[in-house]
């Protein structure tokens, strides 16, 4: 019965993770920022990455905020799963 909630939480975190990976990939291949799909990925991930950029400066010119965001997302996913397991 509660499995659908676990699956929903897992799917949402998977989508956020995939979007961050795509954003990194797009920055490597210099994707067209006017492409609707690329624009969607950038707009979707900016609320996650922008707050981190305020606290984490680039290291040697390399933006490490996607890596930090992925770590935080994984920790948050595990916390939510533990919370759900405790409640249900």
C-alpha atoms as a PDB file:
ATOM      1  CA  UNK A   1       0.000   0.000   0.000  1.00  0.00           C
ATOM      2  CA  UNK A   2       2.705   2.505   0.908  1.00  0.00           C
ATOM      3  CA  UNK A   3       5.002   1.320  -1.875  1.00  0.00           C
ATOM      4  CA  UNK A   4       3.550   3.893  -4.275  1.00  0.00           C
ATOM      5  CA  UNK A   5       4.751   6.666  -1.946  1.00  0.00           C
ATOM      6  CA  UNK A   6       8.276   5.236  -1.860  1.00  0.00           C
ATOM      7  CA  UNK A   7       8.203   4.947  -5.657  1.00  0.00           C
ATOM      8  CA  UNK A   8       6.976   8.532  -6.014  1.00  0.00           C
ATOM      9  CA  UNK A   9       9.723   9.882  -3.746  1.00  0.00           C
ATOM     10  CA  UNK A  10      12.324   7.814  -5.578  1.00  0.00           C
ATOM     11  CA  UNK A  11      11.072   9.018  -8.984  1.00  0.00           C
ATOM     12  CA  UNK A  12      11.186  12.684  -7.951  1.00  0.00           C
ATOM     13  CA  UNK A  13      14.740  12.402  -6.664  1.00  0.00           C
ATOM     14  CA  UNK A  14      15.737  10.434  -9.772  1.00  0.00           C
ATOM     15  CA  UNK A  15      14.329  13.190 -12.017  1.00  0.00           C
ATOM     16  CA  UNK A  16      16.247  15.874 -10.119  1.00  0.00           C
ATOM     17  CA  UNK A  17      19.453  13.825 -10.328  1.00  0.00           C
ATOM     18  CA  UNK A  18      19.001  13.148 -14.035  1.00  0.00           C
ATOM     19  CA  UNK A  19      18.334  16.837 -14.707  1.00  0.00           C
ATOM     20  CA  UNK A  20      21.553  17.838 -12.935  1.00  0.00           C
ATOM     21  CA  UNK A  21      23.529  15.241 -14.910  1.00  0.00           C
ATOM     22  CA  UNK A  22      22.002  16.541 -18.153  1.00  0.00           C
ATOM     23  CA  UNK A  23      22.886  20.106 -17.216  1.00  0.00           C
ATOM     24  CA  UNK A  24      26.512  19.110 -16.659  1.00  0.00           C
ATOM     25  CA  UNK A  25      26.541  17.240 -19.967  1.00  0.00           C
ATOM     26  CA  UNK A  26      25.030  20.226 -21.768  1.00  0.00           C
ATOM     27  CA  UNK A  27      27.727  22.499 -20.353  1.00  0.00           C
ATOM     28  CA  UNK A  28      30.419  20.163 -21.685  1.00  0.00           C
ATOM     29  CA  UNK A  29      29.018  20.002 -25.229  1.00  0.00           C
ATOM     30  CA  UNK A  30      27.901  23.642 -25.297  1.00  0.00           C
ATOM     31  CA  UNK A  31      24.271  22.885 -26.053  1.00  0.00           C
ATOM     32  CA  UNK A  32      22.147  25.621 -27.605  1.00  0.00           C
ATOM     33  CA  UNK A  33      20.603  27.551 -24.673  1.00  0.00           C
ATOM     34  CA  UNK A  34      17.641  28.494 -26.883  1.00  0.00           C
ATOM     35  CA  UNK A  35      16.684  24.857 -27.408  1.00  0.00           C
ATOM     36  CA  UNK A  36      13.438  24.307 -25.459  1.00  0.00           C
ATOM     37  CA  UNK A  37      14.666  21.078 -23.812  1.00  0.00           C
ATOM     38  CA  UNK A  38      18.001  22.596 -22.774  1.00  0.00           C
ATOM     39  CA  UNK A  39      16.196  25.675 -21.468  1.00  0.00           C
ATOM     40  CA  UNK A  40      13.821  23.468 -19.462  1.00  0.00           C
ATOM     41  CA  UNK A  41      16.729  21.602 -17.853  1.00  0.00           C
ATOM     42  CA  UNK A  42      18.521  24.847 -16.983  1.00  0.00           C
ATOM     43  CA  UNK A  43      15.377  26.432 -15.508  1.00  0.00           C
ATOM     44  CA  UNK A  44      14.551  23.271 -13.582  1.00  0.00           C
ATOM     45  CA  UNK A  45      17.978  22.882 -12.012  1.00  0.00           C
ATOM     46  CA  UNK A  46      18.745  26.541 -11.322  1.00  0.00           C
ATOM     47  CA  UNK A  47      16.643  26.661  -8.108  1.00  0.00           C
ATOM     48  CA  UNK A  48      18.755  23.779  -6.778  1.00  0.00           C
ATOM     49  CA  UNK A  49      22.158  25.056  -7.885  1.00  0.00           C
ATOM     50  CA  UNK A  50      21.850  28.835  -7.425  1.00  0.00           C
ATOM     51  CA  UNK A  51      21.665  28.792  -3.602  1.00  0.00           C
ATOM     52  CA  UNK A  52      24.716  26.517  -3.469  1.00  0.00           C
ATOM     53  CA  UNK A  53      26.717  28.882  -5.696  1.00  0.00           C
ATOM     54  CA  UNK A  54      26.340  31.593  -3.049  1.00  0.00           C
ATOM     55  CA  UNK A  55      28.283  29.456  -0.577  1.00  0.00           C
ATOM     56  CA  UNK A  56      30.596  27.372  -2.762  1.00  0.00           C
ATOM     57  CA  UNK A  57      33.025  29.296  -4.967  1.00  0.00           C
ATOM     58  CA  UNK A  58      34.414  27.724  -8.146  1.00  0.00           C
ATOM     59  CA  UNK A  59      37.514  25.639  -7.521  1.00  0.00           C
ATOM     60  CA  UNK A  60      40.139  26.370 -10.147  1.00  0.00           C
ATOM     61  CA  UNK A  61      37.451  27.778 -12.432  1.00  0.00           C
ATOM     62  CA  UNK A  62      35.387  24.584 -12.090  1.00  0.00           C
ATOM     63  CA  UNK A  63      31.820  24.809 -10.788  1.00  0.00           C
ATOM     64  CA  UNK A  64      31.481  21.987  -8.249  1.00  0.00           C
ATOM     65  CA  UNK A  65      27.935  22.856  -7.176  1.00  0.00           C
ATOM     66  CA  UNK A  66      26.355  20.063  -9.285  1.00  0.00           C
ATOM     67  CA  UNK A  67      28.451  17.491  -7.425  1.00  0.00           C
ATOM     68  CA  UNK A  68      27.512  18.976  -4.059  1.00  0.00           C
ATOM     69  CA  UNK A  69      23.855  19.126  -5.117  1.00  0.00           C
ATOM     70  CA  UNK A  70      23.927  15.430  -6.058  1.00  0.00           C
ATOM     71  CA  UNK A  71      25.377  14.518  -2.666  1.00  0.00           C
ATOM     72  CA  UNK A  72      22.771  16.625  -0.860  1.00  0.00           C
ATOM     73  CA  UNK A  73      19.964  15.118  -2.963  1.00  0.00           C
ATOM     74  CA  UNK A  74      21.097  11.592  -2.100  1.00  0.00           C
ATOM     75  CA  UNK A  75      21.310  12.395   1.608  1.00  0.00           C
ATOM     76  CA  UNK A  76      17.903  14.053   1.475  1.00  0.00           C
ATOM     77  CA  UNK A  77      16.417  11.061  -0.369  1.00  0.00           C
ATOM     78  CA  UNK A  78      17.703   8.694   2.309  1.00  0.00           C
ATOM     79  CA  UNK A  79      16.364  10.956   5.059  1.00  0.00           C
ATOM     80  CA  UNK A  80      12.909  11.095   3.441  1.00  0.00           C
ATOM     81  CA  UNK A  81      12.887   7.298   3.050  1.00  0.00           C
ATOM     82  CA  UNK A  82      13.811   6.852   6.727  1.00  0.00           C
ATOM     83  CA  UNK A  83      11.131   9.342   7.703  1.00  0.00           C
ATOM     84  CA  UNK A  84       8.534   7.499   5.634  1.00  0.00           C
ATOM     85  CA  UNK A  85       9.612   4.174   7.110  1.00  0.00           C
ATOM     86  CA  UNK A  86       9.236   5.582  10.625  1.00  0.00           C
ATOM     87  CA  UNK A  87       5.821   7.072   9.948  1.00  0.00           C
ATOM     88  CA  UNK A  88       4.373   4.090   8.120  1.00  0.00           C
END
